[in-house]
Structure formats: structure tokens, C-alpha cells
Amino acid sequence: MQTIYQINADEIDQTLLESIKAQFKNKEIEIVVSERDETAYLLRSPANRERLLRAIGDIEENRNIIVPNQEQFQ
């Protein structure tokens, strides 16, 4: 059996650990911790990938840049 938990490290607590222990009671388990790459998730959709890569190209070529009126932030 395999279970994937996607959780913020700050949210790991005793309750989560007890849940894992109960789910895999009396079984040897392997715990692998890796940082999620949000970019990979966003690039999975072909349409989203195209839009993001086009936006990156726009920034690199300094085109289609919108600069808001800075006075509104003061």
C-alpha cells in the first residue's frame, strides 16, 4: 500500500504521526520527504504551460509589461 501526504512541514504534528502508525500498524514503512515543486505542477497542463512560458518570454524580451501606478500602494 502507498499513501502520499502533501502537507506543510509546520502542520506535522502528533496526530498525523499517530494516523500513519495506525494506517500501517505492524508493517515496516519507508518515509521519504521531498520539497514540492509548484512549477512542475503548473507546467503539467499543456495550456497552462504555454501561457507560463509565453509570459516568461515576455519578461525576458521586456514586452507586455504592465507597471501599476505606484501611488495606489502608498
PDB file of N, CA and C in Angstrom:
ATOM      1  N   MET A   1       0.853  -1.175   0.000  1.00  0.00           N
ATOM      2  CA  MET A   1       0.000   0.000   0.000  1.00  0.00           C
ATOM      3  C   MET A   1       0.899   1.238   0.000  1.00  0.00           C
ATOM      4  N   GLN A   2       0.438   2.260  -0.682  1.00  0.00           N
ATOM      5  CA  GLN A   2       1.176   3.522  -0.738  1.00  0.00           C
ATOM      6  C   GLN A   2       0.213   4.673  -0.471  1.00  0.00           C
ATOM      7  N   THR A   3       0.661   5.611   0.330  1.00  0.00           N
ATOM      8  CA  THR A   3      -0.119   6.809   0.615  1.00  0.00           C
ATOM      9  C   THR A   3       0.788   8.007   0.479  1.00  0.00           C
ATOM     10  N   ILE A   4       0.306   9.047  -0.178  1.00  0.00           N
ATOM     11  CA  ILE A   4       1.077  10.275  -0.332  1.00  0.00           C
ATOM     12  C   ILE A   4       0.385  11.366   0.472  1.00  0.00           C
ATOM     13  N   TYR A   5       1.130  11.978   1.365  1.00  0.00           N
ATOM     14  CA  TYR A   5       0.638  13.108   2.148  1.00  0.00           C
ATOM     15  C   TYR A   5       1.286  14.365   1.587  1.00  0.00           C
ATOM     16  N   GLN A   6       0.489  15.348   1.249  1.00  0.00           N
ATOM     17  CA  GLN A   6       1.010  16.648   0.832  1.00  0.00           C
ATOM     18  C   GLN A   6       0.615  17.631   1.917  1.00  0.00           C
ATOM     19  N   ILE A   7       1.612  18.087   2.663  1.00  0.00           N
ATOM     20  CA  ILE A   7       1.328  18.876   3.852  1.00  0.00           C
ATOM     21  C   ILE A   7       2.466  19.870   4.075  1.00  0.00           C
ATOM     22  N   ASN A   8       2.133  20.988   4.642  1.00  0.00           N
ATOM     23  CA  ASN A   8       3.142  21.955   5.026  1.00  0.00           C
ATOM     24  C   ASN A   8       3.885  21.400   6.243  1.00  0.00           C
ATOM     25  N   ALA A   9       5.202  21.509   6.246  1.00  0.00           N
ATOM     26  CA  ALA A   9       6.008  20.956   7.333  1.00  0.00           C
ATOM     27  C   ALA A   9       5.558  21.479   8.693  1.00  0.00           C
ATOM     28  N   ASP A  10       5.086  22.705   8.748  1.00  0.00           N
ATOM     29  CA  ASP A  10       4.628  23.281  10.015  1.00  0.00           C
ATOM     30  C   ASP A  10       3.364  22.611  10.549  1.00  0.00           C
ATOM     31  N   GLU A  11       2.669  21.853   9.704  1.00  0.00           N
ATOM     32  CA  GLU A  11       1.424  21.213  10.106  1.00  0.00           C
ATOM     33  C   GLU A  11       1.627  19.785  10.601  1.00  0.00           C
ATOM     34  N   ILE A  12       2.860  19.280  10.516  1.00  0.00           N
ATOM     35  CA  ILE A  12       3.128  17.922  11.001  1.00  0.00           C
ATOM     36  C   ILE A  12       3.041  17.938  12.525  1.00  0.00           C
ATOM     37  N   ASP A  13       2.192  17.069  13.053  1.00  0.00           N
ATOM     38  CA  ASP A  13       2.023  17.010  14.499  1.00  0.00           C
ATOM     39  C   ASP A  13       1.828  15.562  14.940  1.00  0.00           C
ATOM     40  N   GLN A  14       1.639  15.383  16.201  1.00  0.00           N
ATOM     41  CA  GLN A  14       1.488  14.045  16.760  1.00  0.00           C
ATOM     42  C   GLN A  14       0.272  13.325  16.173  1.00  0.00           C
ATOM     43  N   THR A  15      -0.778  14.059  15.877  1.00  0.00           N
ATOM     44  CA  THR A  15      -1.981  13.457  15.300  1.00  0.00           C
ATOM     45  C   THR A  15      -1.677  12.806  13.956  1.00  0.00           C
ATOM     46  N   LEU A  16      -0.919  13.492  13.126  1.00  0.00           N
ATOM     47  CA  LEU A  16      -0.536  12.928  11.826  1.00  0.00           C
ATOM     48  C   LEU A  16       0.306  11.672  12.026  1.00  0.00           C
ATOM     49  N   LEU A  17       1.274  11.744  12.914  1.00  0.00           N
ATOM     50  CA  LEU A  17       2.134  10.588  13.155  1.00  0.00           C
ATOM     51  C   LEU A  17       1.336   9.400  13.672  1.00  0.00           C
ATOM     52  N   GLU A  18       0.402   9.651  14.567  1.00  0.00           N
ATOM     53  CA  GLU A  18      -0.448   8.571  15.084  1.00  0.00           C
ATOM     54  C   GLU A  18      -1.310   7.979  13.975  1.00  0.00           C
ATOM     55  N   SER A  19      -1.784   8.820  13.071  1.00  0.00           N
ATOM     56  CA  SER A  19      -2.589   8.350  11.944  1.00  0.00           C
ATOM     57  C   SER A  19      -1.782   7.427  11.039  1.00  0.00           C
ATOM     58  N   ILE A  20      -0.551   7.813  10.773  1.00  0.00           N
ATOM     59  CA  ILE A  20       0.322   6.980   9.932  1.00  0.00           C
ATOM     60  C   ILE A  20       0.602   5.651  10.631  1.00  0.00           C
ATOM     61  N   LYS A  21       0.877   5.710  11.920  1.00  0.00           N
ATOM     62  CA  LYS A  21       1.126   4.485  12.664  1.00  0.00           C
ATOM     63  C   LYS A  21      -0.088   3.557  12.628  1.00  0.00           C
ATOM     64  N   ALA A  22      -1.281   4.099  12.768  1.00  0.00           N
ATOM     65  CA  ALA A  22      -2.498   3.284  12.750  1.00  0.00           C
ATOM     66  C   ALA A  22      -2.740   2.694  11.359  1.00  0.00           C
ATOM     67  N   GLN A  23      -2.474   3.480  10.335  1.00  0.00           N
ATOM     68  CA  GLN A  23      -2.728   3.024   8.967  1.00  0.00           C
ATOM     69  C   GLN A  23      -1.793   1.878   8.572  1.00  0.00           C
ATOM     70  N   PHE A  24      -0.570   1.912   9.066  1.00  0.00           N
ATOM     71  CA  PHE A  24       0.425   0.910   8.691  1.00  0.00           C
ATOM     72  C   PHE A  24       0.841   0.047   9.893  1.00  0.00           C
ATOM     73  N   LYS A  25      -0.087  -0.207  10.771  1.00  0.00           N
ATOM     74  CA  LYS A  25       0.186  -0.936  12.020  1.00  0.00           C
ATOM     75  C   LYS A  25       0.927  -2.244  11.743  1.00  0.00           C
ATOM     76  N   ASN A  26       2.014  -2.442  12.500  1.00  0.00           N
ATOM     77  CA  ASN A  26       2.821  -3.663  12.438  1.00  0.00           C
ATOM     78  C   ASN A  26       3.483  -3.900  11.076  1.00  0.00           C
ATOM     79  N   LYS A  27       3.652  -2.864  10.295  1.00  0.00           N
ATOM     80  CA  LYS A  27       4.315  -3.002   8.994  1.00  0.00           C
ATOM     81  C   LYS A  27       5.548  -2.102   8.965  1.00  0.00           C
ATOM     82  N   GLU A  28       6.560  -2.565   8.261  1.00  0.00           N
ATOM     83  CA  GLU A  28       7.737  -1.728   8.071  1.00  0.00           C
ATOM     84  C   GLU A  28       7.416  -0.722   6.971  1.00  0.00           C
ATOM     85  N   ILE A  29       7.727   0.546   7.234  1.00  0.00           N
ATOM     86  CA  ILE A  29       7.423   1.585   6.249  1.00  0.00           C
ATOM     87  C   ILE A  29       8.697   2.353   5.908  1.00  0.00           C
ATOM     88  N   GLU A  30       8.629   3.062   4.826  1.00  0.00           N
ATOM     89  CA  GLU A  30       9.705   3.951   4.392  1.00  0.00           C
ATOM     90  C   GLU A  30       9.123   5.355   4.317  1.00  0.00           C
ATOM     91  N   ILE A  31       9.792   6.312   4.918  1.00  0.00           N
ATOM     92  CA  ILE A  31       9.330   7.701   4.880  1.00  0.00           C
ATOM     93  C   ILE A  31      10.323   8.490   4.037  1.00  0.00           C
ATOM     94  N   VAL A  32       9.834   9.083   2.964  1.00  0.00           N
ATOM     95  CA  VAL A  32      10.647   9.909   2.080  1.00  0.00           C
ATOM     96  C   VAL A  32      10.083  11.319   2.137  1.00  0.00           C
ATOM     97  N   VAL A  33      10.925  12.278   2.396  1.00  0.00           N
ATOM     98  CA  VAL A  33      10.485  13.668   2.478  1.00  0.00           C
ATOM     99  C   VAL A  33      11.107  14.429   1.328  1.00  0.00           C
ATOM    100  N   SER A  34      10.279  15.132   0.568  1.00  0.00           N
ATOM    101  CA  SER A  34      10.787  15.955  -0.526  1.00  0.00           C
ATOM    102  C   SER A  34       9.989  17.244  -0.583  1.00  0.00           C
ATOM    103  N   GLU A  35      10.651  18.260  -1.046  1.00  0.00           N
ATOM    104  CA  GLU A  35      10.004  19.563  -1.188  1.00  0.00           C
ATOM    105  C   GLU A  35       9.212  19.563  -2.488  1.00  0.00           C
ATOM    106  N   ARG A  36       7.985  20.030  -2.431  1.00  0.00           N
ATOM    107  CA  ARG A  36       7.151  20.073  -3.632  1.00  0.00           C
ATOM    108  C   ARG A  36       7.608  21.188  -4.546  1.00  0.00           C
ATOM    109  N   ASP A  37       7.574  20.916  -5.822  1.00  0.00           N
ATOM    110  CA  ASP A  37       7.932  21.901  -6.828  1.00  0.00           C
ATOM    111  C   ASP A  37       6.645  22.384  -7.487  1.00  0.00           C
ATOM    112  N   GLU A  38       6.174  23.534  -7.087  1.00  0.00           N
ATOM    113  CA  GLU A  38       4.920  24.072  -7.621  1.00  0.00           C
ATOM    114  C   GLU A  38       5.019  24.332  -9.120  1.00  0.00           C
ATOM    115  N   THR A  39       6.205  24.641  -9.591  1.00  0.00           N
ATOM    116  CA  THR A  39       6.369  24.906 -11.018  1.00  0.00           C
ATOM    117  C   THR A  39       6.022  23.670 -11.833  1.00  0.00           C
ATOM    118  N   ALA A  40       6.475  22.508 -11.394  1.00  0.00           N
ATOM    119  CA  ALA A  40       6.179  21.269 -12.119  1.00  0.00           C
ATOM    120  C   ALA A  40       4.671  21.043 -12.197  1.00  0.00           C
ATOM    121  N   TYR A  41       3.964  21.290 -11.102  1.00  0.00           N
ATOM    122  CA  TYR A  41       2.508  21.134 -11.086  1.00  0.00           C
ATOM    123  C   TYR A  41       1.856  22.078 -12.094  1.00  0.00           C
ATOM    124  N   LEU A  42       2.314  23.329 -12.116  1.00  0.00           N
ATOM    125  CA  LEU A  42       1.715  24.317 -13.010  1.00  0.00           C
ATOM    126  C   LEU A  42       2.018  24.037 -14.471  1.00  0.00           C
ATOM    127  N   LEU A  43       3.128  23.381 -14.742  1.00  0.00           N
ATOM    128  CA  LEU A  43       3.512  23.108 -16.128  1.00  0.00           C
ATOM    129  C   LEU A  43       2.895  21.817 -16.671  1.00  0.00           C
ATOM    130  N   ARG A  44       2.186  21.052 -15.864  1.00  0.00           N
ATOM    131  CA  ARG A  44       1.595  19.797 -16.323  1.00  0.00           C
ATOM    132  C   ARG A  44       0.528  19.986 -17.389  1.00  0.00           C
ATOM    133  N   SER A  45      -0.280  21.007 -17.241  1.00  0.00           N
ATOM    134  CA  SER A  45      -1.338  21.271 -18.217  1.00  0.00           C
ATOM    135  C   SER A  45      -0.711  21.933 -19.444  1.00  0.00           C
ATOM    136  N   PRO A  46      -0.929  21.388 -20.647  1.00  0.00           N
ATOM    137  CA  PRO A  46      -0.347  21.989 -21.854  1.00  0.00           C
ATOM    138  C   PRO A  46      -0.745  23.460 -22.042  1.00  0.00           C
ATOM    139  N   ALA A  47      -1.998  23.785 -21.784  1.00  0.00           N
ATOM    140  CA  ALA A  47      -2.443  25.179 -21.956  1.00  0.00           C
ATOM    141  C   ALA A  47      -1.763  26.088 -20.931  1.00  0.00           C
ATOM    142  N   ASN A  48      -1.694  25.635 -19.700  1.00  0.00           N
ATOM    143  CA  ASN A  48      -1.050  26.422 -18.647  1.00  0.00           C
ATOM    144  C   ASN A  48       0.446  26.570 -18.946  1.00  0.00           C
ATOM    145  N   ARG A  49       1.065  25.488 -19.397  1.00  0.00           N
ATOM    146  CA  ARG A  49       2.491  25.505 -19.736  1.00  0.00           C
ATOM    147  C   ARG A  49       2.771  26.554 -20.808  1.00  0.00           C
ATOM    148  N   GLU A  50       1.952  26.540 -21.862  1.00  0.00           N
ATOM    149  CA  GLU A  50       2.136  27.505 -22.954  1.00  0.00           C
ATOM    150  C   GLU A  50       1.994  28.937 -22.454  1.00  0.00           C
ATOM    151  N   ARG A  51       0.991  29.178 -21.639  1.00  0.00           N
ATOM    152  CA  ARG A  51       0.764  30.535 -21.113  1.00  0.00           C
ATOM    153  C   ARG A  51       1.929  30.994 -20.238  1.00  0.00           C
ATOM    154  N   LEU A  52       2.404  30.111 -19.346  1.00  0.00           N
ATOM    155  CA  LEU A  52       3.512  30.482 -18.466  1.00  0.00           C
ATOM    156  C   LEU A  52       4.806  30.707 -19.232  1.00  0.00           C
ATOM    157  N   LEU A  53       5.100  29.838 -20.196  1.00  0.00           N
ATOM    158  CA  LEU A  53       6.322  30.013 -20.987  1.00  0.00           C
ATOM    159  C   LEU A  53       6.259  31.273 -21.843  1.00  0.00           C
ATOM    160  N   ARG A  54       5.064  31.596 -22.335  1.00  0.00           N
ATOM    161  CA  ARG A  54       4.892  32.839 -23.104  1.00  0.00           C
ATOM    162  C   ARG A  54       5.118  34.050 -22.188  1.00  0.00           C
ATOM    163  N   ALA A  55       4.616  33.989 -20.960  1.00  0.00           N
ATOM    164  CA  ALA A  55       4.803  35.083 -20.007  1.00  0.00           C
ATOM    165  C   ALA A  55       6.284  35.248 -19.650  1.00  0.00           C
ATOM    166  N   ILE A  56       6.984  34.131 -19.484  1.00  0.00           N
ATOM    167  CA  ILE A  56       8.419  34.199 -19.206  1.00  0.00           C
ATOM    168  C   ILE A  56       9.148  34.851 -20.377  1.00  0.00           C
ATOM    169  N   GLY A  57       8.775  34.459 -21.600  1.00  0.00           N
ATOM    170  CA  GLY A  57       9.366  35.071 -22.791  1.00  0.00           C
ATOM    171  C   GLY A  57       9.098  36.566 -22.857  1.00  0.00           C
ATOM    172  N   ASP A  58       7.882  36.962 -22.505  1.00  0.00           N
ATOM    173  CA  ASP A  58       7.540  38.393 -22.492  1.00  0.00           C
ATOM    174  C   ASP A  58       8.437  39.149 -21.520  1.00  0.00           C
ATOM    175  N   ILE A  59       8.663  38.593 -20.365  1.00  0.00           N
ATOM    176  CA  ILE A  59       9.509  39.264 -19.370  1.00  0.00           C
ATOM    177  C   ILE A  59      10.944  39.347 -19.887  1.00  0.00           C
ATOM    178  N   GLU A  60      11.439  38.247 -20.429  1.00  0.00           N
ATOM    179  CA  GLU A  60      12.816  38.236 -20.934  1.00  0.00           C
ATOM    180  C   GLU A  60      13.009  39.225 -22.081  1.00  0.00           C
ATOM    181  N   GLU A  61      11.975  39.432 -22.888  1.00  0.00           N
ATOM    182  CA  GLU A  61      12.054  40.352 -24.033  1.00  0.00           C
ATOM    183  C   GLU A  61      11.530  41.749 -23.686  1.00  0.00           C
ATOM    184  N   ASN A  62      11.152  41.944 -22.429  1.00  0.00           N
ATOM    185  CA  ASN A  62      10.646  43.240 -21.951  1.00  0.00           C
ATOM    186  C   ASN A  62       9.440  43.727 -22.764  1.00  0.00           C
ATOM    187  N   ARG A  63       8.508  42.835 -23.008  1.00  0.00           N
ATOM    188  CA  ARG A  63       7.295  43.210 -23.737  1.00  0.00           C
ATOM    189  C   ARG A  63       6.071  42.806 -22.908  1.00  0.00           C
ATOM    190  N   ASN A  64       4.978  43.511 -23.180  1.00  0.00           N
ATOM    191  CA  ASN A  64       3.712  43.271 -22.471  1.00  0.00           C
ATOM    192  C   ASN A  64       3.857  43.418 -20.957  1.00  0.00           C
ATOM    193  N   ILE A  65       4.720  44.327 -20.525  1.00  0.00           N
ATOM    194  CA  ILE A  65       4.929  44.566 -19.104  1.00  0.00           C
ATOM    195  C   ILE A  65       3.953  45.653 -18.646  1.00  0.00           C
ATOM    196  N   ILE A  66       3.221  45.374 -17.595  1.00  0.00           N
ATOM    197  CA  ILE A  66       2.275  46.344 -17.049  1.00  0.00           C
ATOM    198  C   ILE A  66       2.809  46.808 -15.697  1.00  0.00           C
ATOM    199  N   VAL A  67       3.022  48.101 -15.570  1.00  0.00           N
ATOM    200  CA  VAL A  67       3.507  48.678 -14.322  1.00  0.00           C
ATOM    201  C   VAL A  67       2.357  49.481 -13.711  1.00  0.00           C
ATOM    202  N   PRO A  68       1.858  49.025 -12.553  1.00  0.00           N
ATOM    203  CA  PRO A  68       0.739  49.750 -11.931  1.00  0.00           C
ATOM    204  C   PRO A  68       1.200  51.100 -11.386  1.00  0.00           C
ATOM    205  N   ASN A  69       0.228  51.976 -11.213  1.00  0.00           N
ATOM    206  CA  ASN A  69       0.503  53.284 -10.601  1.00  0.00           C
ATOM    207  C   ASN A  69       0.941  53.058  -9.173  1.00  0.00           C
ATOM    208  N   GLN A  70       2.181  53.405  -8.854  1.00  0.00           N
ATOM    209  CA  GLN A  70       2.757  53.139  -7.537  1.00  0.00           C
ATOM    210  C   GLN A  70       2.115  53.958  -6.417  1.00  0.00           C
ATOM    211  N   GLU A  71       1.467  55.057  -6.758  1.00  0.00           N
ATOM    212  CA  GLU A  71       0.824  55.878  -5.729  1.00  0.00           C
ATOM    213  C   GLU A  71      -0.280  55.132  -4.996  1.00  0.00           C
ATOM    214  N   GLN A  72      -0.935  54.211  -5.667  1.00  0.00           N
ATOM    215  CA  GLN A  72      -2.028  53.483  -5.024  1.00  0.00           C
ATOM    216  C   GLN A  72      -1.549  52.552  -3.922  1.00  0.00           C
ATOM    217  N   PHE A  73      -0.261  52.284  -3.850  1.00  0.00           N
ATOM    218  CA  PHE A  73       0.277  51.390  -2.845  1.00  0.00           C
ATOM    219  C   PHE A  73       0.865  52.124  -1.643  1.00  0.00           C
ATOM    220  N   GLN A  74       0.769  53.424  -1.647  1.00  0.00           N
ATOM    221  CA  GLN A  74       1.342  54.196  -0.551  1.00  0.00           C
ATOM    222  C   GLN A  74       0.293  54.669   0.420  1.00  0.00           C
TER     223      GLN A  74
END
